């Protein structure tokens, strides 16, 4: 299969209507052809986005807002991770101080 033939198959591949024999040739071609793979990837991303919007319960198609929500969610996840790290470090320091106090008490190093 050449690039022109592969480009003609992209829509059918995305819509699951490409005949099995042609599909095998198409897949073999796009796996070795970066240009055709990139075109397929673009169509695939658009198809996934359409499915996402079709499956949403509300009618919000505000992509900028969706991106903002994603950014906020990822930022919150990062901030939560930072809090966990800070709390872990604090607990470790407190435990180290307690263990050091017990150690010095145990061995009578403090008068």
N, C-alpha and C. Protein backbone atom coordinates (compact mmCIF):
# COMPACT_ATOMS: atom_id res chain seq x y z
N UNK A 1 0.86 -1.18 0.00
CA UNK A 1 0.00 0.00 0.00
C UNK A 1 0.90 1.24 0.00
N UNK A 2 0.57 2.21 -0.83
CA UNK A 2 1.34 3.45 -0.86
C UNK A 2 0.63 4.51 -0.01
N UNK A 3 1.26 5.66 0.13
CA UNK A 3 0.73 6.73 1.00
C UNK A 3 -0.64 7.23 0.53
N UNK A 4 -0.82 7.38 -0.76
CA UNK A 4 -2.09 7.87 -1.27
C UNK A 4 -3.22 6.89 -0.94
N UNK A 5 -2.96 5.62 -1.13
CA UNK A 5 -3.96 4.60 -0.80
C UNK A 5 -4.25 4.60 0.71
N UNK A 6 -3.19 4.77 1.50
CA UNK A 6 -3.37 4.79 2.96
C UNK A 6 -4.22 5.97 3.38
N UNK A 7 -3.95 7.15 2.80
CA UNK A 7 -4.74 8.34 3.13
C UNK A 7 -6.22 8.13 2.80
N UNK A 8 -6.48 7.39 1.73
CA UNK A 8 -7.87 7.11 1.35
C UNK A 8 -8.55 6.16 2.35
N UNK A 9 -7.78 5.46 3.15
CA UNK A 9 -8.34 4.48 4.09
C UNK A 9 -8.53 5.04 5.50
N UNK A 10 -8.01 6.21 5.77
CA UNK A 10 -8.03 6.74 7.13
C UNK A 10 -9.45 6.84 7.68
N UNK A 11 -10.35 7.46 6.94
CA UNK A 11 -11.74 7.61 7.42
C UNK A 11 -12.39 6.26 7.69
N UNK A 12 -12.20 5.32 6.77
CA UNK A 12 -12.81 3.99 6.94
C UNK A 12 -12.20 3.28 8.16
N UNK A 13 -10.91 3.46 8.37
CA UNK A 13 -10.28 2.85 9.54
C UNK A 13 -10.87 3.44 10.83
N UNK A 14 -10.98 4.75 10.89
CA UNK A 14 -11.52 5.42 12.08
C UNK A 14 -12.96 4.99 12.34
N UNK A 15 -13.74 4.84 11.28
CA UNK A 15 -15.15 4.49 11.45
C UNK A 15 -15.39 2.98 11.50
N UNK A 16 -14.32 2.21 11.54
CA UNK A 16 -14.38 0.74 11.65
C UNK A 16 -15.11 0.10 10.46
N UNK A 17 -14.95 0.68 9.28
CA UNK A 17 -15.60 0.13 8.09
C UNK A 17 -14.60 -0.34 7.06
N UNK A 18 -13.33 -0.31 7.38
CA UNK A 18 -12.30 -0.76 6.44
C UNK A 18 -12.30 -2.29 6.40
N UNK A 19 -12.41 -2.87 5.21
CA UNK A 19 -12.40 -4.34 5.11
C UNK A 19 -11.13 -4.92 5.75
N UNK A 20 -11.27 -6.12 6.29
CA UNK A 20 -10.19 -6.74 7.06
C UNK A 20 -8.87 -6.82 6.29
N UNK A 21 -8.91 -7.26 5.05
CA UNK A 21 -7.69 -7.40 4.25
C UNK A 21 -7.01 -6.05 4.05
N UNK A 22 -7.80 -5.03 3.70
CA UNK A 22 -7.25 -3.68 3.52
C UNK A 22 -6.75 -3.12 4.84
N UNK A 23 -7.46 -3.45 5.91
CA UNK A 23 -7.07 -2.95 7.23
C UNK A 23 -5.68 -3.46 7.60
N UNK A 24 -5.42 -4.71 7.31
CA UNK A 24 -4.10 -5.27 7.61
C UNK A 24 -3.01 -4.55 6.83
N UNK A 25 -3.25 -4.32 5.55
CA UNK A 25 -2.28 -3.59 4.72
C UNK A 25 -2.10 -2.17 5.23
N UNK A 26 -3.20 -1.54 5.59
CA UNK A 26 -3.17 -0.16 6.10
C UNK A 26 -2.34 -0.08 7.38
N UNK A 27 -2.61 -0.99 8.30
CA UNK A 27 -1.89 -0.98 9.58
C UNK A 27 -0.39 -1.20 9.36
N UNK A 28 -0.06 -2.14 8.50
CA UNK A 28 1.36 -2.39 8.20
C UNK A 28 2.01 -1.13 7.62
N UNK A 29 1.28 -0.43 6.77
CA UNK A 29 1.82 0.79 6.15
C UNK A 29 2.03 1.90 7.19
N UNK A 30 1.00 2.19 8.00
CA UNK A 30 1.12 3.31 8.93
C UNK A 30 2.14 3.03 10.04
N UNK A 31 2.42 1.78 10.29
CA UNK A 31 3.42 1.45 11.31
C UNK A 31 4.84 1.79 10.85
N UNK A 32 5.03 1.85 9.53
CA UNK A 32 6.37 2.15 9.01
C UNK A 32 6.46 3.51 8.32
N UNK A 33 5.33 4.19 8.16
CA UNK A 33 5.31 5.48 7.46
C UNK A 33 4.92 6.58 8.45
N UNK A 34 5.89 7.39 8.90
CA UNK A 34 5.59 8.44 9.88
C UNK A 34 4.55 9.46 9.40
N UNK A 35 4.57 9.81 8.12
CA UNK A 35 3.62 10.79 7.62
C UNK A 35 2.19 10.27 7.69
N UNK A 36 2.00 9.04 7.27
CA UNK A 36 0.65 8.46 7.31
C UNK A 36 0.21 8.21 8.74
N UNK A 37 1.16 7.81 9.58
CA UNK A 37 0.82 7.61 11.00
C UNK A 37 0.36 8.93 11.61
N UNK A 38 1.06 10.02 11.29
CA UNK A 38 0.70 11.32 11.84
C UNK A 38 -0.70 11.74 11.37
N UNK A 39 -1.01 11.49 10.12
CA UNK A 39 -2.35 11.83 9.63
C UNK A 39 -3.41 10.99 10.36
N UNK A 40 -3.15 9.70 10.50
CA UNK A 40 -4.08 8.83 11.23
C UNK A 40 -4.23 9.30 12.67
N UNK A 41 -3.12 9.67 13.28
CA UNK A 41 -3.15 10.15 14.67
C UNK A 41 -4.03 11.40 14.81
N UNK A 42 -3.92 12.30 13.87
CA UNK A 42 -4.73 13.52 13.89
C UNK A 42 -6.22 13.18 13.81
N UNK A 43 -6.58 12.33 12.87
CA UNK A 43 -7.98 11.93 12.74
C UNK A 43 -8.46 11.19 13.99
N UNK A 44 -7.58 10.36 14.54
CA UNK A 44 -7.93 9.61 15.74
C UNK A 44 -8.20 10.54 16.91
N UNK A 45 -7.35 11.54 17.08
CA UNK A 45 -7.53 12.51 18.18
C UNK A 45 -8.86 13.25 18.02
N UNK A 46 -9.16 13.66 16.80
CA UNK A 46 -10.43 14.35 16.54
C UNK A 46 -11.60 13.42 16.87
N UNK A 47 -11.49 12.17 16.45
CA UNK A 47 -12.56 11.20 16.72
C UNK A 47 -12.75 10.99 18.22
N UNK A 48 -11.65 10.88 18.95
CA UNK A 48 -11.74 10.71 20.41
C UNK A 48 -12.39 11.95 21.04
N UNK A 49 -12.03 13.12 20.56
CA UNK A 49 -12.62 14.35 21.09
C UNK A 49 -14.12 14.39 20.82
N UNK A 50 -14.52 13.99 19.63
CA UNK A 50 -15.95 13.97 19.29
C UNK A 50 -16.68 12.99 20.20
N UNK A 51 -16.11 11.82 20.40
CA UNK A 51 -16.74 10.84 21.29
C UNK A 51 -16.85 11.39 22.71
N UNK A 52 -15.80 12.08 23.14
CA UNK A 52 -15.82 12.67 24.48
C UNK A 52 -16.99 13.64 24.61
N UNK A 53 -17.14 14.51 23.64
CA UNK A 53 -18.22 15.49 23.71
C UNK A 53 -19.59 14.83 23.56
N UNK A 54 -19.66 13.79 22.75
CA UNK A 54 -20.94 13.07 22.60
C UNK A 54 -21.34 12.38 23.90
N UNK A 55 -20.38 11.95 24.69
CA UNK A 55 -20.67 11.21 25.92
C UNK A 55 -20.85 12.11 27.13
N UNK A 56 -20.57 13.38 27.00
CA UNK A 56 -20.76 14.29 28.13
C UNK A 56 -22.24 14.51 28.36
N UNK A 57 -22.62 14.57 29.63
CA UNK A 57 -24.04 14.74 29.97
C UNK A 57 -24.50 16.18 29.78
N UNK A 58 -23.61 17.12 29.98
CA UNK A 58 -24.00 18.52 29.76
C UNK A 58 -23.62 18.93 28.34
N UNK A 59 -24.04 20.08 27.96
CA UNK A 59 -23.77 20.55 26.61
C UNK A 59 -22.60 21.50 26.57
N UNK A 60 -21.65 21.33 27.46
CA UNK A 60 -20.51 22.22 27.52
C UNK A 60 -19.47 21.80 26.49
N UNK A 61 -19.25 22.66 25.52
CA UNK A 61 -18.22 22.40 24.52
C UNK A 61 -17.15 23.48 24.60
N UNK A 62 -16.99 24.03 25.77
CA UNK A 62 -16.02 25.09 25.99
C UNK A 62 -14.65 24.45 26.22
N UNK A 63 -13.91 24.28 25.15
CA UNK A 63 -12.63 23.59 25.23
C UNK A 63 -11.67 24.33 26.14
N UNK A 64 -11.68 25.65 26.10
CA UNK A 64 -10.80 26.43 26.97
C UNK A 64 -11.12 26.14 28.44
N UNK A 65 -12.41 26.06 28.76
CA UNK A 65 -12.81 25.74 30.13
C UNK A 65 -12.40 24.32 30.50
N UNK A 66 -12.57 23.37 29.56
CA UNK A 66 -12.15 22.00 29.82
C UNK A 66 -10.65 21.93 30.08
N UNK A 67 -9.89 22.67 29.31
CA UNK A 67 -8.44 22.71 29.52
C UNK A 67 -8.12 23.33 30.88
N UNK A 68 -8.82 24.41 31.21
CA UNK A 68 -8.60 25.06 32.51
C UNK A 68 -8.91 24.10 33.65
N UNK A 69 -10.02 23.34 33.53
CA UNK A 69 -10.36 22.35 34.54
C UNK A 69 -9.26 21.30 34.68
N UNK A 70 -8.73 20.86 33.54
CA UNK A 70 -7.66 19.88 33.57
C UNK A 70 -6.41 20.44 34.23
N UNK A 71 -6.06 21.68 33.89
CA UNK A 71 -4.90 22.32 34.50
C UNK A 71 -5.09 22.46 36.00
N UNK A 72 -6.29 22.90 36.42
CA UNK A 72 -6.56 23.05 37.85
C UNK A 72 -6.48 21.72 38.57
N UNK A 73 -7.03 20.68 37.96
CA UNK A 73 -7.01 19.35 38.57
C UNK A 73 -5.58 18.85 38.74
N UNK A 74 -4.76 19.04 37.72
CA UNK A 74 -3.37 18.59 37.80
C UNK A 74 -2.57 19.41 38.81
N UNK A 75 -2.86 20.71 38.87
CA UNK A 75 -2.19 21.56 39.83
C UNK A 75 -2.55 21.15 41.25
N UNK A 76 -3.84 20.89 41.48
CA UNK A 76 -4.30 20.47 42.80
C UNK A 76 -3.63 19.15 43.20
N UNK A 77 -3.51 18.24 42.25
CA UNK A 77 -2.86 16.96 42.52
C UNK A 77 -1.41 17.19 42.93
N UNK A 78 -0.74 18.09 42.24
CA UNK A 78 0.67 18.41 42.56
C UNK A 78 0.76 19.05 43.94
N UNK A 79 -0.15 19.98 44.25
CA UNK A 79 -0.13 20.64 45.55
C UNK A 79 -0.40 19.64 46.67
N UNK A 80 -1.33 18.71 46.44
CA UNK A 80 -1.60 17.68 47.44
C UNK A 80 -0.37 16.81 47.67
N UNK A 81 0.33 16.49 46.61
CA UNK A 81 1.55 15.70 46.73
C UNK A 81 2.59 16.46 47.54
N UNK A 82 2.70 17.78 47.31
CA UNK A 82 3.65 18.58 48.08
C UNK A 82 3.30 18.59 49.56
N UNK A 83 1.99 18.68 49.87
CA UNK A 83 1.56 18.65 51.28
C UNK A 83 1.93 17.31 51.92
N UNK A 84 1.72 16.24 51.22
CA UNK A 84 2.05 14.91 51.75
C UNK A 84 3.55 14.81 52.01
N UNK A 85 4.35 15.32 51.10
CA UNK A 85 5.81 15.29 51.28
C UNK A 85 6.19 16.13 52.49
N UNK A 86 5.60 17.34 52.62
CA UNK A 86 5.92 18.21 53.75
C UNK A 86 5.52 17.56 55.08
N UNK A 87 4.37 16.95 55.13
CA UNK A 87 3.91 16.29 56.36
C UNK A 87 4.81 15.10 56.67
N UNK A 88 5.18 14.35 55.65
CA UNK A 88 6.08 13.20 55.86
C UNK A 88 7.43 13.63 56.42
N UNK A 89 7.97 14.71 55.90
CA UNK A 89 9.26 15.22 56.38
C UNK A 89 9.11 15.68 57.83
N UNK A 90 8.04 16.39 58.14
CA UNK A 90 7.81 16.87 59.51
C UNK A 90 7.69 15.70 60.48
N UNK A 91 6.91 14.70 60.12
CA UNK A 91 6.75 13.51 60.98
C UNK A 91 8.08 12.82 61.17
N UNK A 92 8.87 12.70 60.11
CA UNK A 92 10.19 12.06 60.20
C UNK A 92 11.10 12.83 61.15
N UNK A 93 11.10 14.15 61.08
CA UNK A 93 11.93 14.97 61.96
C UNK A 93 11.49 14.81 63.41
N UNK A 94 10.17 14.86 63.64
CA UNK A 94 9.66 14.71 65.01
C UNK A 94 10.03 13.34 65.56
N UNK A 95 9.87 12.29 64.75
CA UNK A 95 10.25 10.94 65.20
C UNK A 95 11.74 10.84 65.47
N UNK A 96 12.56 11.49 64.65
CA UNK A 96 14.01 11.47 64.86
C UNK A 96 14.36 12.15 66.18
N UNK A 97 13.69 13.24 66.50
CA UNK A 97 13.94 13.94 67.76
C UNK A 97 13.52 13.06 68.93
N UNK A 98 12.38 12.40 68.82
CA UNK A 98 11.92 11.52 69.89
C UNK A 98 12.88 10.36 70.08
N UNK A 99 13.30 9.73 68.99
CA UNK A 99 14.23 8.61 69.07
C UNK A 99 15.56 9.07 69.66
N UNK A 100 16.03 10.24 69.25
CA UNK A 100 17.29 10.76 69.80
C UNK A 100 17.14 11.01 71.30
N UNK A 101 15.99 11.55 71.72
CA UNK A 101 15.75 11.78 73.15
C UNK A 101 15.71 10.48 73.91
N UNK A 102 15.03 9.49 73.38
CA UNK A 102 14.96 8.18 74.03
C UNK A 102 16.34 7.52 74.08
N UNK A 103 17.09 7.65 73.01
CA UNK A 103 18.43 7.07 72.94
C UNK A 103 19.34 7.68 74.00
N UNK A 104 19.33 8.99 74.08
CA UNK A 104 20.20 9.65 75.07
C UNK A 104 19.73 9.33 76.49
N UNK A 105 18.44 9.24 76.71
CA UNK A 105 17.89 8.86 78.01
C UNK A 105 18.26 7.42 78.35
N UNK A 106 18.13 6.54 77.40
CA UNK A 106 18.38 5.10 77.58
C UNK A 106 19.82 4.85 78.00
N UNK A 107 20.74 5.52 77.35
CA UNK A 107 22.15 5.29 77.63
C UNK A 107 22.71 6.27 78.66
N UNK A 108 21.85 7.05 79.25
CA UNK A 108 22.26 7.96 80.32
C UNK A 108 23.21 9.04 79.90
N UNK A 109 23.05 9.51 78.68
CA UNK A 109 23.97 10.55 78.19
C UNK A 109 23.58 11.92 78.72
N UNK A 110 22.37 12.05 79.24
CA UNK A 110 21.92 13.34 79.79
C UNK A 110 21.95 13.21 81.30
N UNK A 111 22.52 14.21 82.00
CA UNK A 111 22.62 14.16 83.47
C UNK A 111 21.33 14.41 84.13
